[in-house]
């Protein structure tokens, strides 16, 4: 299975387990076997949202991939919480 197929399969599994989600970006870097997915909150509290994002990160790691979570908390310029999960499909180190 190539990186795009793995990435699409992973995103479908995430959607099935963690729905509802507000997806805002899905990016794959096929030459590096890496990708990222970004979400915004659904109106839940920051604690609930980031807890769900940590759960998604651990879910991804359960497939043998590396994953890191970057949090962007709501502020005056951006009234919603956002999270980006970076993924390495080889299980390698993420910068």
PDB file of N, CA and C in Angstrom:
ATOM      1  N   UNK A   1       0.858  -1.177   0.000  1.00  0.00           N
ATOM      2  CA  UNK A   1       0.000   0.000   0.000  1.00  0.00           C
ATOM      3  C   UNK A   1       0.897   1.231   0.000  1.00  0.00           C
ATOM      4  N   UNK A   2       0.612   2.189  -0.893  1.00  0.00           N
ATOM      5  CA  UNK A   2       1.428   3.401  -0.916  1.00  0.00           C
ATOM      6  C   UNK A   2       0.949   4.398   0.140  1.00  0.00           C
ATOM      7  N   UNK A   3       1.685   5.473   0.293  1.00  0.00           N
ATOM      8  CA  UNK A   3       1.419   6.452   1.348  1.00  0.00           C
ATOM      9  C   UNK A   3       0.023   7.065   1.216  1.00  0.00           C
ATOM     10  N   UNK A   4      -0.391   7.389   0.009  1.00  0.00           N
ATOM     11  CA  UNK A   4      -1.713   7.997  -0.176  1.00  0.00           C
ATOM     12  C   UNK A   4      -2.799   7.029   0.276  1.00  0.00           C
ATOM     13  N   UNK A   5      -2.683   5.761  -0.093  1.00  0.00           N
ATOM     14  CA  UNK A   5      -3.671   4.766   0.326  1.00  0.00           C
ATOM     15  C   UNK A   5      -3.679   4.599   1.841  1.00  0.00           C
ATOM     16  N   UNK A   6      -2.486   4.559   2.458  1.00  0.00           N
ATOM     17  CA  UNK A   6      -2.406   4.447   3.923  1.00  0.00           C
ATOM     18  C   UNK A   6      -3.046   5.662   4.583  1.00  0.00           C
ATOM     19  N   UNK A   7      -2.777   6.843   4.034  1.00  0.00           N
ATOM     20  CA  UNK A   7      -3.293   8.084   4.598  1.00  0.00           C
ATOM     21  C   UNK A   7      -4.812   8.149   4.492  1.00  0.00           C
ATOM     22  N   UNK A   8      -5.343   7.800   3.331  1.00  0.00           N
ATOM     23  CA  UNK A   8      -6.799   7.796   3.154  1.00  0.00           C
ATOM     24  C   UNK A   8      -7.464   6.782   4.074  1.00  0.00           C
ATOM     25  N   UNK A   9      -6.874   5.599   4.166  1.00  0.00           N
ATOM     26  CA  UNK A   9      -7.411   4.561   5.042  1.00  0.00           C
ATOM     27  C   UNK A   9      -7.409   5.024   6.502  1.00  0.00           C
ATOM     28  N   UNK A  10      -6.310   5.629   6.928  1.00  0.00           N
ATOM     29  CA  UNK A  10      -6.215   6.140   8.297  1.00  0.00           C
ATOM     30  C   UNK A  10      -7.265   7.209   8.564  1.00  0.00           C
ATOM     31  N   UNK A  11      -7.447   8.135   7.633  1.00  0.00           N
ATOM     32  CA  UNK A  11      -8.427   9.202   7.827  1.00  0.00           C
ATOM     33  C   UNK A  11      -9.845   8.660   7.923  1.00  0.00           C
ATOM     34  N   UNK A  12     -10.163   7.647   7.141  1.00  0.00           N
ATOM     35  CA  UNK A  12     -11.487   7.020   7.235  1.00  0.00           C
ATOM     36  C   UNK A  12     -11.687   6.349   8.587  1.00  0.00           C
ATOM     37  N   UNK A  13     -10.645   5.691   9.085  1.00  0.00           N
ATOM     38  CA  UNK A  13     -10.730   5.048  10.406  1.00  0.00           C
ATOM     39  C   UNK A  13     -10.906   6.081  11.507  1.00  0.00           C
ATOM     40  N   UNK A  14     -10.193   7.182  11.417  1.00  0.00           N
ATOM     41  CA  UNK A  14     -10.336   8.266  12.407  1.00  0.00           C
ATOM     42  C   UNK A  14     -11.765   8.796  12.389  1.00  0.00           C
ATOM     43  N   UNK A  15     -12.288   9.061  11.208  1.00  0.00           N
ATOM     44  CA  UNK A  15     -13.651   9.579  11.083  1.00  0.00           C
ATOM     45  C   UNK A  15     -14.659   8.616  11.701  1.00  0.00           C
ATOM     46  N   UNK A  16     -14.481   7.332  11.460  1.00  0.00           N
ATOM     47  CA  UNK A  16     -15.420   6.326  11.963  1.00  0.00           C
ATOM     48  C   UNK A  16     -15.421   6.264  13.485  1.00  0.00           C
ATOM     49  N   UNK A  17     -14.249   6.345  14.090  1.00  0.00           N
ATOM     50  CA  UNK A  17     -14.127   6.200  15.549  1.00  0.00           C
ATOM     51  C   UNK A  17     -14.417   7.499  16.295  1.00  0.00           C
ATOM     52  N   UNK A  18     -13.997   8.638  15.764  1.00  0.00           N
ATOM     53  CA  UNK A  18     -14.029   9.889  16.528  1.00  0.00           C
ATOM     54  C   UNK A  18     -15.062  10.911  16.040  1.00  0.00           C
ATOM     55  N   UNK A  19     -15.916  10.550  15.128  1.00  0.00           N
ATOM     56  CA  UNK A  19     -16.938  11.442  14.605  1.00  0.00           C
ATOM     57  C   UNK A  19     -17.795  12.002  15.750  1.00  0.00           C
ATOM     58  N   UNK A  20     -18.228  13.229  15.758  1.00  0.00           N
ATOM     59  CA  UNK A  20     -18.085  14.237  14.715  1.00  0.00           C
ATOM     60  C   UNK A  20     -16.761  14.987  14.843  1.00  0.00           C
ATOM     61  N   UNK A  21     -16.199  15.349  13.707  1.00  0.00           N
ATOM     62  CA  UNK A  21     -14.956  16.103  13.656  1.00  0.00           C
ATOM     63  C   UNK A  21     -15.100  17.241  12.651  1.00  0.00           C
ATOM     64  N   UNK A  22     -14.448  18.348  12.941  1.00  0.00           N
ATOM     65  CA  UNK A  22     -14.360  19.454  11.990  1.00  0.00           C
ATOM     66  C   UNK A  22     -12.976  19.400  11.342  1.00  0.00           C
ATOM     67  N   UNK A  23     -12.892  18.736  10.198  1.00  0.00           N
ATOM     68  CA  UNK A  23     -11.638  18.635   9.454  1.00  0.00           C
ATOM     69  C   UNK A  23     -11.391  19.963   8.750  1.00  0.00           C
ATOM     70  N   UNK A  24     -10.166  20.491   8.837  1.00  0.00           N
ATOM     71  CA  UNK A  24      -9.879  21.721   8.101  1.00  0.00           C
ATOM     72  C   UNK A  24      -8.734  21.557   7.113  1.00  0.00           C
ATOM     73  N   UNK A  25      -7.910  20.526   7.289  1.00  0.00           N
ATOM     74  CA  UNK A  25      -6.810  20.326   6.353  1.00  0.00           C
ATOM     75  C   UNK A  25      -6.316  18.890   6.437  1.00  0.00           C
ATOM     76  N   UNK A  26      -6.008  18.326   5.286  1.00  0.00           N
ATOM     77  CA  UNK A  26      -5.395  17.006   5.188  1.00  0.00           C
ATOM     78  C   UNK A  26      -4.287  17.149   4.153  1.00  0.00           C
ATOM     79  N   UNK A  27      -3.048  16.910   4.566  1.00  0.00           N
ATOM     80  CA  UNK A  27      -1.908  17.087   3.671  1.00  0.00           C
ATOM     81  C   UNK A  27      -1.017  15.858   3.740  1.00  0.00           C
ATOM     82  N   UNK A  28      -0.605  15.356   2.582  1.00  0.00           N
ATOM     83  CA  UNK A  28       0.319  14.217   2.523  1.00  0.00           C
ATOM     84  C   UNK A  28       1.562  14.629   1.744  1.00  0.00           C
ATOM     85  N   UNK A  29       2.726  14.249   2.267  1.00  0.00           N
ATOM     86  CA  UNK A  29       3.998  14.440   1.580  1.00  0.00           C
ATOM     87  C   UNK A  29       4.487  13.044   1.206  1.00  0.00           C
ATOM     88  N   UNK A  30       4.131  12.607   0.012  1.00  0.00           N
ATOM     89  CA  UNK A  30       4.399  11.225  -0.379  1.00  0.00           C
ATOM     90  C   UNK A  30       5.890  10.903  -0.467  1.00  0.00           C
ATOM     91  N   UNK A  31       6.706  11.867  -0.879  1.00  0.00           N
ATOM     92  CA  UNK A  31       8.137  11.612  -0.995  1.00  0.00           C
ATOM     93  C   UNK A  31       8.805  11.435   0.364  1.00  0.00           C
ATOM     94  N   UNK A  32       8.178  11.908   1.434  1.00  0.00           N
ATOM     95  CA  UNK A  32       8.735  11.793   2.782  1.00  0.00           C
ATOM     96  C   UNK A  32       7.973  10.780   3.639  1.00  0.00           C
ATOM     97  N   UNK A  33       6.908  10.192   3.104  1.00  0.00           N
ATOM     98  CA  UNK A  33       6.047   9.257   3.863  1.00  0.00           C
ATOM     99  C   UNK A  33       5.477   9.913   5.113  1.00  0.00           C
ATOM    100  N   UNK A  34       5.111  11.185   4.982  1.00  0.00           N
ATOM    101  CA  UNK A  34       4.564  11.938   6.107  1.00  0.00           C
ATOM    102  C   UNK A  34       3.270  12.630   5.699  1.00  0.00           C
ATOM    103  N   UNK A  35       2.541  13.095   6.693  1.00  0.00           N
ATOM    104  CA  UNK A  35       1.326  13.834   6.446  1.00  0.00           C
ATOM    105  C   UNK A  35       0.894  14.576   7.687  1.00  0.00           C
ATOM    106  N   UNK A  36      -0.167  15.363   7.544  1.00  0.00           N
ATOM    107  CA  UNK A  36      -0.734  16.043   8.705  1.00  0.00           C
ATOM    108  C   UNK A  36      -2.235  16.182   8.493  1.00  0.00           C
ATOM    109  N   UNK A  37      -2.942  16.226   9.604  1.00  0.00           N
ATOM    110  CA  UNK A  37      -4.373  16.474   9.593  1.00  0.00           C
ATOM    111  C   UNK A  37      -4.657  17.556  10.630  1.00  0.00           C
ATOM    112  N   UNK A  38      -5.585  18.433  10.307  1.00  0.00           N
ATOM    113  CA  UNK A  38      -5.916  19.533  11.213  1.00  0.00           C
ATOM    114  C   UNK A  38      -7.418  19.571  11.451  1.00  0.00           C
ATOM    115  N   UNK A  39      -7.770  19.941  12.674  1.00  0.00           N
ATOM    116  CA  UNK A  39      -9.161  19.999  13.101  1.00  0.00           C
ATOM    117  C   UNK A  39      -9.407  21.281  13.882  1.00  0.00           C
ATOM    118  N   UNK A  40     -10.665  21.726  13.889  1.00  0.00           N
ATOM    119  CA  UNK A  40     -11.094  22.768  14.818  1.00  0.00           C
ATOM    120  C   UNK A  40     -12.155  22.159  15.728  1.00  0.00           C
ATOM    121  N   UNK A  41     -12.421  22.847  16.812  1.00  0.00           N
ATOM    122  CA  UNK A  41     -13.401  22.309  17.765  1.00  0.00           C
ATOM    123  C   UNK A  41     -14.819  22.365  17.213  1.00  0.00           C
ATOM    124  N   UNK A  42     -15.695  21.610  17.856  1.00  0.00           N
ATOM    125  CA  UNK A  42     -17.130  21.577  17.505  1.00  0.00           C
ATOM    126  C   UNK A  42     -17.949  22.356  18.522  1.00  0.00           C
ATOM    127  N   UNK A  43     -17.325  23.294  19.201  1.00  0.00           N
ATOM    128  CA  UNK A  43     -18.027  24.058  20.221  1.00  0.00           C
ATOM    129  C   UNK A  43     -17.838  23.486  21.610  1.00  0.00           C
ATOM    130  N   UNK A  44     -17.120  22.354  21.717  1.00  0.00           N
ATOM    131  CA  UNK A  44     -16.849  21.786  23.035  1.00  0.00           C
ATOM    132  C   UNK A  44     -15.761  22.599  23.733  1.00  0.00           C
ATOM    133  N   UNK A  45     -15.554  22.354  25.008  1.00  0.00           N
ATOM    134  CA  UNK A  45     -14.528  23.078  25.767  1.00  0.00           C
ATOM    135  C   UNK A  45     -13.148  22.720  25.231  1.00  0.00           C
ATOM    136  N   UNK A  46     -12.181  23.588  25.530  1.00  0.00           N
ATOM    137  CA  UNK A  46     -10.801  23.332  25.107  1.00  0.00           C
ATOM    138  C   UNK A  46     -10.305  22.012  25.679  1.00  0.00           C
ATOM    139  N   UNK A  47     -10.625  21.727  26.953  1.00  0.00           N
ATOM    140  CA  UNK A  47     -10.189  20.470  27.561  1.00  0.00           C
ATOM    141  C   UNK A  47     -10.745  19.257  26.824  1.00  0.00           C
ATOM    142  N   UNK A  48     -12.029  19.304  26.486  1.00  0.00           N
ATOM    143  CA  UNK A  48     -12.649  18.192  25.752  1.00  0.00           C
ATOM    144  C   UNK A  48     -12.033  18.034  24.354  1.00  0.00           C
ATOM    145  N   UNK A  49     -11.866  19.151  23.671  1.00  0.00           N
ATOM    146  CA  UNK A  49     -11.323  19.111  22.319  1.00  0.00           C
ATOM    147  C   UNK A  49      -9.904  18.552  22.307  1.00  0.00           C
ATOM    148  N   UNK A  50      -9.036  19.093  23.152  1.00  0.00           N
ATOM    149  CA  UNK A  50      -7.645  18.645  23.127  1.00  0.00           C
ATOM    150  C   UNK A  50      -7.499  17.226  23.674  1.00  0.00           C
ATOM    151  N   UNK A  51      -8.391  16.814  24.548  1.00  0.00           N
ATOM    152  CA  UNK A  51      -8.407  15.424  25.004  1.00  0.00           C
ATOM    153  C   UNK A  51      -8.728  14.496  23.831  1.00  0.00           C
ATOM    154  N   UNK A  52      -9.711  14.890  23.016  1.00  0.00           N
ATOM    155  CA  UNK A  52     -10.055  14.095  21.824  1.00  0.00           C
ATOM    156  C   UNK A  52      -8.873  14.054  20.855  1.00  0.00           C
ATOM    157  N   UNK A  53      -8.176  15.160  20.701  1.00  0.00           N
ATOM    158  CA  UNK A  53      -7.029  15.203  19.793  1.00  0.00           C
ATOM    159  C   UNK A  53      -5.895  14.299  20.292  1.00  0.00           C
ATOM    160  N   UNK A  54      -5.673  14.275  21.613  1.00  0.00           N
ATOM    161  CA  UNK A  54      -4.663  13.366  22.167  1.00  0.00           C
ATOM    162  C   UNK A  54      -5.065  11.907  21.920  1.00  0.00           C
ATOM    163  N   UNK A  55      -6.355  11.627  22.028  1.00  0.00           N
ATOM    164  CA  UNK A  55      -6.853  10.274  21.759  1.00  0.00           C
ATOM    165  C   UNK A  55      -6.634   9.890  20.292  1.00  0.00           C
ATOM    166  N   UNK A  56      -6.856  10.827  19.391  1.00  0.00           N
ATOM    167  CA  UNK A  56      -6.620  10.560  17.970  1.00  0.00           C
ATOM    168  C   UNK A  56      -5.134  10.310  17.728  1.00  0.00           C
ATOM    169  N   UNK A  57      -4.290  11.106  18.356  1.00  0.00           N
ATOM    170  CA  UNK A  57      -2.841  10.916  18.211  1.00  0.00           C
ATOM    171  C   UNK A  57      -2.442   9.513  18.664  1.00  0.00           C
ATOM    172  N   UNK A  58      -2.944   9.067  19.808  1.00  0.00           N
ATOM    173  CA  UNK A  58      -2.619   7.726  20.308  1.00  0.00           C
ATOM    174  C   UNK A  58      -3.210   6.642  19.408  1.00  0.00           C
ATOM    175  N   UNK A  59      -4.388   6.888  18.856  1.00  0.00           N
ATOM    176  CA  UNK A  59      -5.018   5.975  17.913  1.00  0.00           C
ATOM    177  C   UNK A  59      -4.104   5.774  16.699  1.00  0.00           C
ATOM    178  N   UNK A  60      -3.563   6.855  16.170  1.00  0.00           N
ATOM    179  CA  UNK A  60      -2.652   6.802  15.028  1.00  0.00           C
ATOM    180  C   UNK A  60      -1.406   6.004  15.381  1.00  0.00           C
ATOM    181  N   UNK A  61      -0.860   6.241  16.548  1.00  0.00           N
ATOM    182  CA  UNK A  61       0.342   5.527  16.973  1.00  0.00           C
ATOM    183  C   UNK A  61       0.085   4.025  17.105  1.00  0.00           C
ATOM    184  N   UNK A  62      -1.167   3.648  17.361  1.00  0.00           N
ATOM    185  CA  UNK A  62      -1.535   2.241  17.467  1.00  0.00           C
ATOM    186  C   UNK A  62      -1.352   1.469  16.163  1.00  0.00           C
ATOM    187  N   UNK A  63      -1.206   2.167  15.044  1.00  0.00           N
ATOM    188  CA  UNK A  63      -0.961   1.528  13.753  1.00  0.00           C
ATOM    189  C   UNK A  63       0.533   1.417  13.444  1.00  0.00           C
ATOM    190  N   UNK A  64       1.373   1.831  14.400  1.00  0.00           N
ATOM    191  CA  UNK A  64       2.816   1.773  14.201  1.00  0.00           C
ATOM    192  C   UNK A  64       3.403   3.017  13.569  1.00  0.00           C
ATOM    193  N   UNK A  65       2.586   4.059  13.406  1.00  0.00           N
ATOM    194  CA  UNK A  65       3.057   5.324  12.854  1.00  0.00           C
ATOM    195  C   UNK A  65       3.501   6.230  13.999  1.00  0.00           C
ATOM    196  N   UNK A  66       4.347   7.195  13.694  1.00  0.00           N
ATOM    197  CA  UNK A  66       4.692   8.241  14.656  1.00  0.00           C
ATOM    198  C   UNK A  66       3.672   9.368  14.506  1.00  0.00           C
ATOM    199  N   UNK A  67       3.340  10.008  15.615  1.00  0.00           N
ATOM    200  CA  UNK A  67       2.389  11.122  15.566  1.00  0.00           C
ATOM    201  C   UNK A  67       2.732  12.135  16.642  1.00  0.00           C
ATOM    202  N   UNK A  68       2.599  13.402  16.296  1.00  0.00           N
ATOM    203  CA  UNK A  68       2.785  14.482  17.266  1.00  0.00           C
ATOM    204  C   UNK A  68       1.607  15.434  17.159  1.00  0.00           C
ATOM    205  N   UNK A  69       1.279  16.063  18.268  1.00  0.00           N
ATOM    206  CA  UNK A  69       0.134  16.966  18.350  1.00  0.00           C
ATOM    207  C   UNK A  69       0.615  18.387  18.594  1.00  0.00           C
ATOM    208  N   UNK A  70       0.118  19.301  17.776  1.00  0.00           N
ATOM    209  CA  UNK A  70       0.402  20.722  17.956  1.00  0.00           C
ATOM    210  C   UNK A  70      -0.923  21.407  18.247  1.00  0.00           C
ATOM    211  N   UNK A  71      -0.991  22.095  19.393  1.00  0.00           N
ATOM    212  CA  UNK A  71      -2.233  22.745  19.832  1.00  0.00           C
ATOM    213  C   UNK A  71      -2.178  24.250  19.559  1.00  0.00           C
ATOM    214  N   UNK A  72      -3.308  24.771  19.107  1.00  0.00           N
ATOM    215  CA  UNK A  72      -3.484  26.208  18.927  1.00  0.00           C
ATOM    216  C   UNK A  72      -4.748  26.578  19.695  1.00  0.00           C
ATOM    217  N   UNK A  73      -4.566  27.227  20.835  1.00  0.00           N
ATOM    218  CA  UNK A  73      -5.721  27.574  21.661  1.00  0.00           C
ATOM    219  C   UNK A  73      -6.401  28.834  21.152  1.00  0.00           C
ATOM    220  N   UNK A  74      -7.703  28.905  21.360  1.00  0.00           N
ATOM    221  CA  UNK A  74      -8.493  30.063  20.937  1.00  0.00           C
ATOM    222  C   UNK A  74      -7.963  31.331  21.601  1.00  0.00           C
ATOM    223  N   UNK A  75      -8.055  32.424  20.873  1.00  0.00           N
ATOM    224  CA  UNK A  75      -7.682  33.726  21.426  1.00  0.00           C
ATOM    225  C   UNK A  75      -8.525  34.805  20.738  1.00  0.00           C
ATOM    226  N   UNK A  76      -8.166  36.053  20.918  1.00  0.00           N
ATOM    227  CA  UNK A  76      -8.960  37.150  20.340  1.00  0.00           C
ATOM    228  C   UNK A  76      -8.969  37.124  18.814  1.00  0.00           C
ATOM    229  N   UNK A  77      -7.868  36.696  18.207  1.00  0.00           N
ATOM    230  CA  UNK A  77      -7.779  36.672  16.754  1.00  0.00           C
ATOM    231  C   UNK A  77      -8.437  35.438  16.139  1.00  0.00           C
ATOM    232  N   UNK A  78      -8.493  34.369  16.910  1.00  0.00           N
ATOM    233  CA  UNK A  78      -9.071  33.113  16.416  1.00  0.00           C
ATOM    234  C   UNK A  78      -9.966  32.545  17.518  1.00  0.00           C
ATOM    235  N   UNK A  79     -11.290  32.628  17.364  1.00  0.00           N
ATOM    236  CA  UNK A  79     -12.210  32.283  18.443  1.00  0.00           C
ATOM    237  C   UNK A  79     -12.453  30.786  18.656  1.00  0.00           C
ATOM    238  N   UNK A  80     -11.702  29.925  17.986  1.00  0.00           N
ATOM    239  CA  UNK A  80     -11.891  28.485  18.152  1.00  0.00           C
ATOM    240  C   UNK A  80     -10.540  27.816  18.367  1.00  0.00           C
ATOM    241  N   UNK A  81     -10.577  26.648  18.981  1.00  0.00           N
ATOM    242  CA  UNK A  81      -9.370  25.859  19.189  1.00  0.00           C
ATOM    243  C   UNK A  81      -9.062  25.086  17.918  1.00  0.00           C
ATOM    244  N   UNK A  82      -7.782  24.891  17.674  1.00  0.00           N
ATOM    245  CA  UNK A  82      -7.347  24.148  16.494  1.00  0.00           C
ATOM    246  C   UNK A  82      -6.214  23.213  16.894  1.00  0.00           C
ATOM    247  N   UNK A  83      -6.123  22.081  16.219  1.00  0.00           N
ATOM    248  CA  UNK A  83      -5.048  21.135  16.474  1.00  0.00           C
ATOM    249  C   UNK A  83      -4.566  20.555  15.154  1.00  0.00           C
ATOM    250  N   UNK A  84      -3.250  20.342  15.074  1.00  0.00           N
ATOM    251  CA  UNK A  84      -2.665  19.671  13.914  1.00  0.00           C
ATOM    252  C   UNK A  84      -1.926  18.438  14.419  1.00  0.00           C
ATOM    253  N   UNK A  85      -2.179  17.318  13.776  1.00  0.00           N
ATOM    254  CA  UNK A  85      -1.479  16.085  14.111  1.00  0.00           C
ATOM    255  C   UNK A  85      -0.583  15.750  12.932  1.00  0.00           C
ATOM    256  N   UNK A  86       0.716  15.692  13.201  1.00  0.00           N
ATOM    257  CA  UNK A  86       1.678  15.343  12.167  1.00  0.00           C
ATOM    258  C   UNK A  86       1.972  13.854  12.276  1.00  0.00           C
ATOM    259  N   UNK A  87       2.118  13.195  11.129  1.00  0.00           N
ATOM    260  CA  UNK A  87       2.238  11.741  11.080  1.00  0.00           C
ATOM    261  C   UNK A  87       3.436  11.353  10.221  1.00  0.00           C
ATOM    262  N   UNK A  88       4.201  10.377  10.698  1.00  0.00           N
ATOM    263  CA  UNK A  88       5.265   9.748   9.908  1.00  0.00           C
ATOM    264  C   UNK A  88       4.856   8.288   9.743  1.00  0.00           C
ATOM    265  N   UNK A  89       4.559   7.888   8.520  1.00  0.00           N
ATOM    266  CA  UNK A  89       4.076   6.540   8.255  1.00  0.00           C
ATOM    267  C   UNK A  89       5.161   5.477   8.351  1.00  0.00           C
ATOM    268  N   UNK A  90       6.425   5.896   8.448  1.00  0.00           N
ATOM    269  CA  UNK A  90       7.507   4.929   8.621  1.00  0.00           C
ATOM    270  C   UNK A  90       7.765   4.650  10.096  1.00  0.00           C
ATOM    271  N   UNK A  91       7.134   5.418  10.975  1.00  0.00           N
ATOM    272  CA  UNK A  91       7.363   5.279  12.408  1.00  0.00           C
ATOM    273  C   UNK A  91       8.590   6.012  12.882  1.00  0.00           C
ATOM    274  N   UNK A  92       9.207   6.808  11.996  1.00  0.00           N
ATOM    275  CA  UNK A  92      10.415   7.541  12.331  1.00  0.00           C
ATOM    276  C   UNK A  92      10.149   8.743  13.220  1.00  0.00           C
ATOM    277  N   UNK A  93      11.224   9.434  13.532  1.00  0.00           N
ATOM    278  CA  UNK A  93      11.152  10.613  14.386  1.00  0.00           C
ATOM    279  C   UNK A  93      10.491  11.770  13.666  1.00  0.00           C
ATOM    280  N   UNK A  94       9.673  12.513  14.385  1.00  0.00           N
ATOM    281  CA  UNK A  94       9.092  13.745  13.867  1.00  0.00           C
ATOM    282  C   UNK A  94       9.854  14.923  14.445  1.00  0.00           C
ATOM    283  N   UNK A  95      10.082  15.932  13.634  1.00  0.00           N
ATOM    284  CA  UNK A  95      10.823  17.108  14.108  1.00  0.00           C
ATOM    285  C   UNK A  95       9.962  18.010  14.926  1.00  0.00           C
TER     286      UNK A  95
END
